[in-house]
Protein backbone atom coordinates (compact mmCIF):
# COMPACT_ATOMS: atom_id res chain seq x y z
CA MET A 1 -47.89 48.06 24.75
CA VAL A 2 -51.05 48.17 25.10
CA THR A 3 -52.63 45.93 22.50
CA ALA A 4 -56.58 45.03 20.84
CA GLY A 5 -55.89 41.85 22.99
CA LYS A 6 -55.32 43.01 25.82
CA VAL A 7 -58.22 46.18 25.00
CA LEU A 8 -61.39 43.52 24.44
CA VAL A 9 -59.96 41.98 27.79
CA MET A 10 -59.36 44.66 30.16
CA LEU A 11 -63.35 45.89 28.31
CA PRO A 12 -66.33 43.56 30.45
CA VAL A 13 -63.23 44.21 33.33
CA LEU A 14 -64.13 47.90 33.32
CA LEU A 15 -67.65 46.99 32.70
CA ILE A 16 -67.93 45.88 35.79
CA ALA A 17 -66.03 47.20 37.83
CA ILE A 18 -67.93 50.32 37.18
CA TYR A 19 -71.67 48.59 38.26
CA THR A 20 -69.65 47.93 41.10
CA ALA A 21 -68.91 51.12 42.16
CA SER A 22 -72.22 52.82 41.41
CA TYR A 23 -73.58 49.58 43.46
CA GLY A 24 -70.97 51.25 46.02
CA LEU A 25 -72.59 55.16 44.91
CA TRP A 26 -76.43 53.86 45.78
CA ALA A 27 -74.94 52.19 48.78
CA TRP A 28 -73.71 54.85 50.52
CA ARG A 29 -76.72 56.85 49.17
CA LYS A 30 -78.70 55.23 51.49
CA GLY A 31 -77.03 55.35 54.56
CA ASN A 32 -74.75 51.51 55.06
CA LYS A 33 -70.77 53.27 54.78
CA ARG A 34 -69.04 49.86 55.67
CA GLY A 35 -70.87 48.72 53.03
CA ALA A 36 -70.20 50.35 50.54
CA VAL A 37 -66.06 51.06 51.37
CA GLY A 38 -66.17 47.07 49.83
CA SER A 39 -67.42 47.80 47.26
CA PHE A 40 -65.38 51.05 46.20
CA ILE A 41 -62.58 48.21 47.53
CA LEU A 42 -63.86 45.62 45.65
CA ALA A 43 -64.08 47.33 41.80
CA TRP A 44 -61.28 48.46 43.57
CA LEU A 45 -59.22 45.42 43.50
CA THR A 46 -61.25 44.52 39.92
CA LEU A 47 -59.75 47.18 37.93
CA ILE A 48 -56.49 46.44 38.95
CA SER A 49 -56.04 42.81 39.28
CA PRO A 50 -55.39 42.48 35.56
CA ILE A 51 -53.34 45.47 34.61
CA LEU A 52 -50.66 44.24 37.51
CA VAL A 53 -50.50 40.74 35.59
CA TRP A 54 -49.86 42.56 32.42
CA ILE A 55 -47.09 45.36 33.89
CA HIS A 56 -45.38 41.79 35.83
CA HIS A 57 -45.45 39.72 32.44
CA ASP A 58 -44.51 42.12 30.76
CA ILE A 59 -41.32 42.90 32.92
CA SER A 60 -40.84 39.34 33.36
């Protein structure tokens, strides 16, 4: 169940992931493909980690 607390916690996480992904896009356009892929992976992990923890605690 989504609560206001979860939304408030997720907002800064979402902003960090967007910022990291935008750096990855910039790096990709500058020709640094390896750094861009790493940034995209980091952004994805930043976004998905809290969601997986919440799912784990809701199931347990």
